[in-house]
């Protein structure tokens, strides 16, 4: 067997080379592509496992989220109790009369409200009612009234304030006109 003819030896070498190339081709086409697919599947499996763990964490926190939502809804409801509701004109006149009882301020004119969007944030769930009021008071009394009114009513703002001296002879008062803007409690369904 040590001595093969040149023709047989070339055939053996050719068969060996073809076999090596065939095995290399089979490795490249079949085995390597399968290994790549296995790597991709392993990565996808890890990603899905992480998603499942995240979902399980969220499910475990669901009860905590429900309690937090309930607390937030109760707080929002409590805060909305200070907003205008029902007959807004009656609500405003009643609130204003109770408040001004402690001050020497005369407010003989209150116009019915005009309702419109607040315009602070897009999709803000509240509307605003604007009341135009006018009256007279001593300057110092009016200043205290105005300061306390805005500070004690967090959902009420004064806009377009116009102060002028009272034109009545020997009067030490000022006349005022202003818009009082208040948030409206949304109707519950």
Protein backbone atom coordinates (compact mmCIF):
# COMPACT_ATOMS: atom_id res chain seq x y z
CA UNK A 1 0.00 0.00 0.00
CA UNK A 2 3.02 2.23 0.35
CA UNK A 3 3.43 2.29 -3.35
CA UNK A 4 0.41 3.53 -5.23
CA UNK A 5 0.40 4.41 -8.78
CA UNK A 6 0.41 8.04 -9.64
CA UNK A 7 -3.11 7.83 -10.96
CA UNK A 8 -4.48 6.19 -7.80
CA UNK A 9 -2.56 8.55 -5.58
CA UNK A 10 -4.05 11.59 -7.43
CA UNK A 11 -7.52 10.10 -7.06
CA UNK A 12 -7.03 9.54 -3.33
CA UNK A 13 -5.81 13.11 -2.94
CA UNK A 14 -8.73 14.37 -5.02
CA UNK A 15 -11.24 12.37 -2.96
CA UNK A 16 -9.64 13.65 0.24
CA UNK A 17 -9.78 17.27 -0.99
CA UNK A 18 -13.39 16.92 -2.18
CA UNK A 19 -14.29 15.35 1.17
CA UNK A 20 -12.64 18.20 3.10
CA UNK A 21 -14.39 20.80 0.92
CA UNK A 22 -17.72 18.97 1.27
CA UNK A 23 -17.35 18.83 5.06
CA UNK A 24 -16.38 22.53 5.16
CA UNK A 25 -19.34 23.44 2.96
CA UNK A 26 -21.67 21.33 5.09
CA UNK A 27 -20.26 23.03 8.20
CA UNK A 28 -20.69 26.51 6.74
CA UNK A 29 -24.13 25.96 5.31
CA UNK A 30 -25.78 23.70 7.85
CA UNK A 31 -24.03 23.73 11.20
CA UNK A 32 -22.94 27.37 11.31
CA UNK A 33 -26.36 28.72 10.28
CA UNK A 34 -27.98 26.53 12.93
CA UNK A 35 -25.58 27.86 15.54
CA UNK A 36 -26.47 31.44 14.55
CA UNK A 37 -30.16 30.61 14.83
CA UNK A 38 -29.56 29.08 18.25
CA UNK A 39 -27.77 32.25 19.38
CA UNK A 40 -30.68 34.39 18.13
CA UNK A 41 -33.18 32.15 19.89
CA UNK A 42 -31.15 32.38 23.11
CA UNK A 43 -31.17 36.20 22.92
CA UNK A 44 -34.91 36.27 22.20
CA UNK A 45 -35.51 33.86 25.08
CA UNK A 46 -33.60 36.12 27.47
CA UNK A 47 -35.58 39.15 26.29
CA UNK A 48 -38.87 37.33 26.75
CA UNK A 49 -37.76 36.16 30.21
CA UNK A 50 -36.98 39.77 31.17
CA UNK A 51 -40.39 40.89 29.90
CA UNK A 52 -42.07 38.12 31.88
CA UNK A 53 -40.17 39.15 35.03
CA UNK A 54 -41.18 42.79 34.48
CA UNK A 55 -44.80 41.79 33.97
CA UNK A 56 -44.75 39.68 37.13
CA UNK A 57 -43.29 42.63 39.04
CA UNK A 58 -46.06 44.89 37.73
CA UNK A 59 -48.69 42.32 38.63
CA UNK A 60 -47.26 42.10 42.13
CA UNK A 61 -47.46 45.90 42.39
CA UNK A 62 -51.01 46.05 41.01
CA UNK A 63 -52.58 46.13 44.46
CA UNK A 64 -50.20 48.90 45.55
CA UNK A 65 -51.05 50.86 42.40
CA UNK A 66 -54.78 50.42 43.08
CA UNK A 67 -54.36 51.75 46.63
CA UNK A 68 -52.32 54.71 45.37
CA UNK A 69 -54.93 55.47 42.72
CA UNK A 70 -57.68 55.32 45.33
CA UNK A 71 -55.76 57.77 47.58
CA UNK A 72 -55.14 60.14 44.68
CA UNK A 73 -58.80 60.03 43.61
CA UNK A 74 -59.88 60.77 47.20
CA UNK A 75 -57.47 63.73 47.37
CA UNK A 76 -58.68 65.08 44.02
CA UNK A 77 -62.30 64.72 45.16
CA UNK A 78 -61.49 66.53 48.41
CA UNK A 79 -59.82 69.37 46.52
CA UNK A 80 -62.71 69.60 44.07
CA UNK A 81 -65.08 70.25 46.97
CA UNK A 82 -63.68 73.80 47.11
CA UNK A 83 -64.54 74.44 43.46
CA UNK A 84 -67.70 75.98 42.05
CA UNK A 85 -70.46 73.47 41.45
CA UNK A 86 -74.20 73.39 40.85
CA UNK A 87 -75.65 76.88 40.43
CA UNK A 88 -72.33 78.66 40.04
CA UNK A 89 -73.73 82.17 40.42
CA UNK A 90 -75.44 81.28 43.72
CA UNK A 91 -72.30 79.45 44.86
CA UNK A 92 -70.10 82.48 44.11
CA UNK A 93 -72.42 85.06 45.69
CA UNK A 94 -72.80 82.90 48.79
CA UNK A 95 -69.02 82.33 49.08
CA UNK A 96 -68.27 86.02 48.50
CA UNK A 97 -70.85 87.23 51.05
CA UNK A 98 -69.53 84.86 53.71
CA UNK A 99 -65.99 85.98 53.06
CA UNK A 100 -66.58 89.74 52.92
CA UNK A 101 -68.50 89.71 56.21
CA UNK A 102 -65.16 90.28 58.00
CA UNK A 103 -64.15 93.23 55.83
CA UNK A 104 -65.47 96.74 55.22
CA UNK A 105 -65.94 96.22 51.48
CA UNK A 106 -69.08 96.98 49.49
CA UNK A 107 -69.72 94.85 46.41
CA UNK A 108 -73.08 95.88 44.94
CA UNK A 109 -72.52 94.52 41.42
CA UNK A 110 -71.85 90.92 40.49
CA UNK A 111 -72.41 89.84 36.91
CA UNK A 112 -73.46 86.32 35.95
CA UNK A 113 -70.56 84.08 35.06
CA UNK A 114 -69.08 83.42 31.69
CA UNK A 115 -67.74 79.90 31.33
CA UNK A 116 -64.73 79.01 29.23
CA UNK A 117 -61.59 76.92 29.10
CA UNK A 118 -58.87 77.58 31.63
CA UNK A 119 -56.16 77.61 28.97
CA UNK A 120 -53.33 76.62 31.30
CA UNK A 121 -52.62 73.12 30.03
CA UNK A 122 -53.84 71.22 27.00
CA UNK A 123 -56.65 68.81 27.81
CA UNK A 124 -57.12 70.38 31.27
CA UNK A 125 -60.20 68.66 32.77
CA UNK A 126 -61.61 71.81 34.38
CA UNK A 127 -63.37 74.85 33.04
CA UNK A 128 -63.32 78.35 34.51
CA UNK A 129 -66.19 80.64 35.48
CA UNK A 130 -65.44 84.36 35.33
CA UNK A 131 -67.50 86.80 37.40
CA UNK A 132 -67.21 90.56 36.91
CA UNK A 133 -67.65 92.42 40.18
CA UNK A 134 -67.39 96.05 41.21
CA UNK A 135 -67.63 97.94 44.45
CA UNK A 136 -65.94 100.35 46.79
CA UNK A 137 -63.85 100.25 49.96
CA UNK A 138 -61.12 102.06 51.80
CA UNK A 139 -57.82 101.35 50.13
CA UNK A 140 -56.32 99.53 53.12
CA UNK A 141 -59.47 97.42 53.70
CA UNK A 142 -59.62 96.52 50.02
CA UNK A 143 -55.96 95.49 50.03
CA UNK A 144 -56.49 93.17 53.03
CA UNK A 145 -59.67 91.78 51.47
CA UNK A 146 -57.94 91.08 48.17
CA UNK A 147 -54.89 89.44 49.78
CA UNK A 148 -56.94 87.23 52.10
CA UNK A 149 -59.49 86.37 49.40
CA UNK A 150 -56.88 84.95 47.03
CA UNK A 151 -54.86 83.26 49.79
CA UNK A 152 -57.85 81.49 51.34
CA UNK A 153 -59.41 80.41 48.06
CA UNK A 154 -56.80 78.43 46.11
CA UNK A 155 -59.07 77.90 43.08
CA UNK A 156 -59.94 81.58 42.69
CA UNK A 157 -57.84 84.23 40.97
CA UNK A 158 -58.32 87.96 40.52
CA UNK A 159 -57.73 89.33 37.03
CA UNK A 160 -58.13 92.68 35.29
CA UNK A 161 -58.19 94.72 38.49
CA UNK A 162 -59.04 98.38 37.94
CA UNK A 163 -58.79 100.81 40.90
CA UNK A 164 -59.91 104.44 40.79
CA UNK A 165 -60.51 107.03 43.49
CA UNK A 166 -64.17 107.38 44.45
CA UNK A 167 -65.62 110.47 42.73
CA UNK A 168 -68.02 111.21 45.59
CA UNK A 169 -67.03 114.45 47.38
CA UNK A 170 -65.14 113.96 50.68
CA UNK A 171 -64.83 110.20 50.06
CA UNK A 172 -61.72 108.40 51.17
CA UNK A 173 -62.65 105.26 49.30
CA UNK A 174 -61.58 103.68 46.04
CA UNK A 175 -63.85 102.04 43.51
CA UNK A 176 -62.79 98.80 41.93
CA UNK A 177 -63.74 96.55 39.07
CA UNK A 178 -62.23 93.13 38.65
CA UNK A 179 -62.75 89.70 37.18
CA UNK A 180 -62.88 86.80 39.60
CA UNK A 181 -61.98 83.52 37.89
CA UNK A 182 -62.76 80.23 39.63
CA UNK A 183 -62.39 76.61 38.58
CA UNK A 184 -65.58 74.63 38.02
CA UNK A 185 -65.93 71.18 39.51
CA UNK A 186 -66.53 68.75 36.63
CA UNK A 187 -69.82 66.89 36.59
CA UNK A 188 -69.37 63.33 37.85
CA UNK A 189 -70.83 60.53 35.84
